[in-house]
Amino acid sequence: MEAKTKDLWVFVETNEDGTAKNVGIELLTPGHDMAVKQGGALVAVVIGSGVDAAVQAASEHGADKVIVVDGPEYATYTTDAYAIALCTLVEKYGPTSMLIGATNNGRDLGPRVSCRLKTGLTADCTSLEIGSPDPESGNVAWTRPAFGGNLMATILCPDHRPQIGTVRPGVFKKGEAGEAKAEIIKEDIHVDAADIRTQILELIKEEGGETVDLEGAEIIVSGGRGVGGPEGYAPIKELADLLGGVVGASRAAVDAGWIAHAHQVGQTGKTVGPKLYIACGISGAIQHVAGMSGADCIVAINKDPDAPIFDIADYGVVGNLFEVLPVMIDEIKKLKA
């Protein structure tokens, strides 16, 4: 389809209580700059049931307009209901670009919508830029890891609109909330029950499953292959607890069964952007770096002076983590005392 406007849309996914998921609010930050370069408005799209809190959050974080679809059929996410609603909106308003969070639901919704609209979708983007290489084109340069994370690919969608991309939570920082000034546009879109081909009968929480808020953490202390085994996470957890942070891990440690997947940072784990990221015994493979390079401050501890992690670290300590961490822990305890 052809774009009717130069507007950029951000799909703001909601929680069951009607609040906005962080990733949608995070995407309003790059969305603002992209919308300015495109010469259009920044539009947040909120679909759900009882979503006033999400609408308020989108308005406070820079959206020029918020399009709202509120109805009981959207209380629980289903592919059919959300795809019908979002496609109906796109066909009516004709945005030129759309950002979707790469959550479980976003990764399901994005491809379905792009297929129905006969346009392209770039998944798991880590960088977004308008007008590259041709500033007048309005094309989005979507950058994402490719070939198993061994290189970064930049993808364009020059011939079809809207341009759609999914972006992992934590890639961009959530901006400061300001005054709610957005124009609120309510759309009455209802979906027949017969058109919703699947429904959730029951949600069963995994027994013993860990819940780790890596994406919302301000401090993360991560361990990799260098911890040597499950017991190697003891000083890492002690340091994380002391700093008020959480424990992260590389894929190598998770694959070895030393720690649960909930702690994994990287291309196949969580993308994070904490204020402080301490990497202990992590070599710095591109797959891991893709998930944590957005941290404000990176401290690397590794006994290999040539480890790639030192290339992106703000501070590096060459040494055995089991000798370095106890010293750090003791010094922090002294400062706290």
Foldseek 3Di string as FASTA:
>chain_A
DAAPFQEEEEEFEADLQQATDPQSLQVVVVNCVLSVLSVHFYEYEYEEAPNPNNLQSNLQQGGQAYEYEHDPVRSDDFQQVVLVVVLVVCVVRGHQEYEYAPDPSRVSNQVSNCVVQVFDEAEAFLDWDAQPPHSPQRWIFTWHQDPLLQDIHTDTGRPDPNYYYHHYQASGDRDDGHDRNHHYHYDHDDDDPVRRPDDDPDDDDDPPDDAFPQAPWQEEEEEEVLLVALVSCVLSCLVQVLVVTYYAYDVRCCVVVSDPLQRYFFQPHHAYAHQEYEYAHDLCRSRRCSRYLNYNAYEYEELDPPRCVVVSHPHYHNDRCVVPSVVVSVVSVVVVD
